[in-house]
Amino acid sequence: MKKIIGLCFILILLVSGCSKVKLTCTKTENWIHTFDFNQEIIFKKEKMDLVTQTVKITSKKELDEEYTTYKSKEKEYASKDGITFGVDKIEDGLFVSLEIDTEVAGKSDLKEFGFPKDVLDLNIEKIKKKMEDEGYTCK
C-alpha cells in the first residue's frame, strides 16, 4: 500500500512539473557601458507565467547616477503586486533584476514592463522568435 501511495505521489509531481517549460534568452550590447541581458520565461500550460529579467551593467566609469535611478525604481516597484525589482552594486558595475508573476501583477504594470495581453497570450515558439528577432540567443 505504501508503495502505491508513493508511486502516486511521484506521478503527481511528474505530471504537475511537466506542464511548465522554461525559455532562456541572452544577449550582450555595448554602448557607453556593457549590458549583459538574461531573460528566463516560465510557461505554464503554454502561457507566460513567470518572467525573470536580469541585466549586468559593467563600465570603466562610475555608475553612481545609474545606481541612484535604479534604486528609486526599486522603492517605486516595492508596492506593486507580482513584481520584484532589485539593484545591487557589483565589483565592476551594477546588477539589476526584475521578476514578474504574470498571474498576480496588474494589467497596467504588465503593460508598463512590455507585457500587454497580446504578448502574454503568445506561445513559447512565438516568444522565442520575437526574442531572437530582438537579437537574443534562446534555448
Protein backbone atom coordinates (compact mmCIF):
# COMPACT_ATOMS: atom_id res chain seq x y z
CA MET A 1 0.00 0.00 0.00
CA LYS A 2 2.82 2.43 0.87
CA LYS A 3 4.47 1.71 -2.50
CA ILE A 4 1.24 2.55 -4.35
CA ILE A 5 0.83 5.82 -2.43
CA GLY A 6 4.50 6.67 -3.05
CA LEU A 7 4.19 5.93 -6.77
CA CYS A 8 1.01 8.03 -6.99
CA PHE A 9 2.77 10.92 -5.26
CA ILE A 10 5.73 10.71 -7.66
CA LEU A 11 3.35 10.52 -10.63
CA ILE A 12 1.50 13.64 -9.43
CA LEU A 13 4.80 15.51 -9.09
CA LEU A 14 5.93 14.46 -12.55
CA VAL A 15 2.63 15.40 -14.21
CA SER A 16 2.41 18.77 -12.48
CA GLY A 17 6.06 19.53 -13.29
CA CYS A 18 5.64 18.62 -16.96
CA SER A 19 3.22 21.44 -17.59
CA LYS A 20 5.99 24.01 -17.04
CA VAL A 21 8.51 24.87 -19.74
CA LYS A 22 11.44 27.30 -19.44
CA LEU A 23 12.83 29.55 -22.17
CA THR A 24 16.16 31.28 -21.50
CA CYS A 25 17.38 34.08 -23.77
CA THR A 26 20.58 36.14 -23.55
CA LYS A 27 22.30 38.96 -25.37
CA THR A 28 25.12 41.43 -24.83
CA GLU A 29 25.10 45.02 -26.05
CA ASN A 30 27.91 47.53 -25.88
CA TRP A 31 27.06 51.21 -25.68
CA ILE A 32 28.70 53.54 -23.19
CA HIS A 33 28.54 50.53 -20.83
CA THR A 34 28.31 46.80 -21.47
CA PHE A 35 24.87 45.28 -20.88
CA ASP A 36 24.54 41.51 -20.40
CA PHE A 37 20.82 40.71 -20.64
CA ASN A 38 19.33 37.44 -19.43
CA GLN A 39 15.64 36.61 -19.67
CA GLU A 40 14.11 33.47 -18.24
CA ILE A 41 10.46 32.87 -19.01
CA ILE A 42 8.49 30.07 -17.39
CA PHE A 43 5.44 28.92 -19.33
CA LYS A 44 2.64 27.14 -17.52
CA LYS A 45 0.05 25.43 -19.70
CA GLU A 46 1.54 27.20 -22.73
CA LYS A 47 1.03 30.68 -21.22
CA MET A 48 3.67 33.01 -19.81
CA ASP A 49 3.67 32.54 -16.04
CA LEU A 50 6.87 33.96 -14.55
CA VAL A 51 9.38 36.28 -16.20
CA THR A 52 12.81 36.91 -14.67
CA GLN A 53 14.97 39.54 -16.34
CA THR A 54 18.48 40.40 -15.22
CA VAL A 55 20.97 42.88 -16.56
CA LYS A 56 24.61 43.06 -15.59
CA ILE A 57 25.92 46.52 -16.43
CA THR A 58 29.68 46.87 -16.49
CA SER A 59 31.64 50.01 -17.11
CA LYS A 60 35.03 51.61 -16.72
CA LYS A 61 33.37 54.72 -15.30
CA GLU A 62 31.37 55.19 -12.12
CA LEU A 63 27.71 54.20 -12.23
CA ASP A 64 26.54 56.15 -9.18
CA GLU A 65 23.92 58.14 -11.10
CA GLU A 66 22.52 54.98 -12.70
CA TYR A 67 22.51 53.24 -9.32
CA THR A 68 20.50 56.09 -7.79
CA THR A 69 17.99 55.94 -10.64
CA TYR A 70 17.52 52.17 -10.31
CA LYS A 71 17.33 52.43 -6.50
CA SER A 72 14.41 54.88 -6.81
CA LYS A 73 12.67 52.42 -9.13
CA GLU A 74 13.24 49.68 -6.56
CA LYS A 75 11.31 51.74 -3.98
CA GLU A 76 8.59 52.57 -6.50
CA TYR A 77 8.03 48.94 -7.51
CA ALA A 78 8.13 47.59 -3.93
CA SER A 79 4.39 48.21 -3.53
CA LYS A 80 3.38 46.53 -6.79
CA ASP A 81 1.85 43.06 -6.56
CA GLY A 82 3.58 40.34 -8.54
CA ILE A 83 6.67 42.45 -9.26
CA THR A 84 10.06 42.16 -7.59
CA PHE A 85 12.73 44.64 -8.63
CA GLY A 86 16.24 44.98 -7.27
CA VAL A 87 19.58 46.60 -7.94
CA ASP A 88 22.96 45.79 -6.42
CA LYS A 89 26.41 47.27 -6.83
CA ILE A 90 28.93 44.71 -8.02
CA GLU A 91 32.69 44.99 -8.39
CA ASP A 92 32.69 46.45 -11.89
CA GLY A 93 29.15 47.79 -12.22
CA LEU A 94 25.54 47.05 -11.37
CA PHE A 95 23.26 44.03 -11.33
CA VAL A 96 19.58 44.77 -11.97
CA SER A 97 16.85 42.15 -11.60
CA LEU A 98 13.15 42.12 -12.33
CA GLU A 99 10.75 39.27 -11.66
CA ILE A 100 7.15 39.41 -12.85
CA ASP A 101 4.46 36.93 -11.85
CA THR A 102 2.04 37.43 -14.74
CA GLU A 103 -0.86 35.89 -12.82
CA VAL A 104 -0.52 38.35 -9.93
CA ALA A 105 0.76 41.61 -11.48
CA GLY A 106 -1.79 44.21 -12.55
CA LYS A 107 -2.58 44.75 -16.24
CA SER A 108 -1.16 48.29 -16.28
CA ASP A 109 2.05 47.10 -14.60
CA LEU A 110 2.42 44.27 -17.11
CA LYS A 111 1.93 46.72 -19.97
CA GLU A 112 4.50 49.12 -18.43
CA PHE A 113 7.11 46.34 -18.47
CA GLY A 114 6.35 45.34 -22.05
CA PHE A 115 3.89 42.53 -21.44
CA PRO A 116 0.47 43.62 -22.71
CA LYS A 117 -2.21 40.94 -23.12
CA ASP A 118 -1.34 40.24 -26.76
CA VAL A 119 2.25 39.40 -25.74
CA LEU A 120 1.18 37.34 -22.72
CA ASP A 121 -1.02 35.21 -25.00
CA LEU A 122 1.90 34.25 -27.28
CA ASN A 123 3.11 30.66 -27.03
CA ILE A 124 6.73 29.70 -26.42
CA GLU A 125 7.63 29.40 -30.12
CA LYS A 126 6.32 32.91 -30.89
CA ILE A 127 8.05 34.43 -27.85
CA LYS A 128 11.30 32.71 -28.84
CA LYS A 129 11.00 34.11 -32.39
CA LYS A 130 10.22 37.59 -31.02
CA MET A 131 13.26 37.47 -28.70
CA GLU A 132 15.56 36.21 -31.46
CA ASP A 133 14.32 39.00 -33.74
CA GLU A 134 15.45 41.41 -31.00
CA GLY A 135 18.97 39.92 -31.07
CA TYR A 136 18.68 37.39 -28.24
CA THR A 137 20.04 33.85 -28.37
CA CYS A 138 17.45 31.48 -26.92
CA LYS A 139 17.46 27.92 -25.72
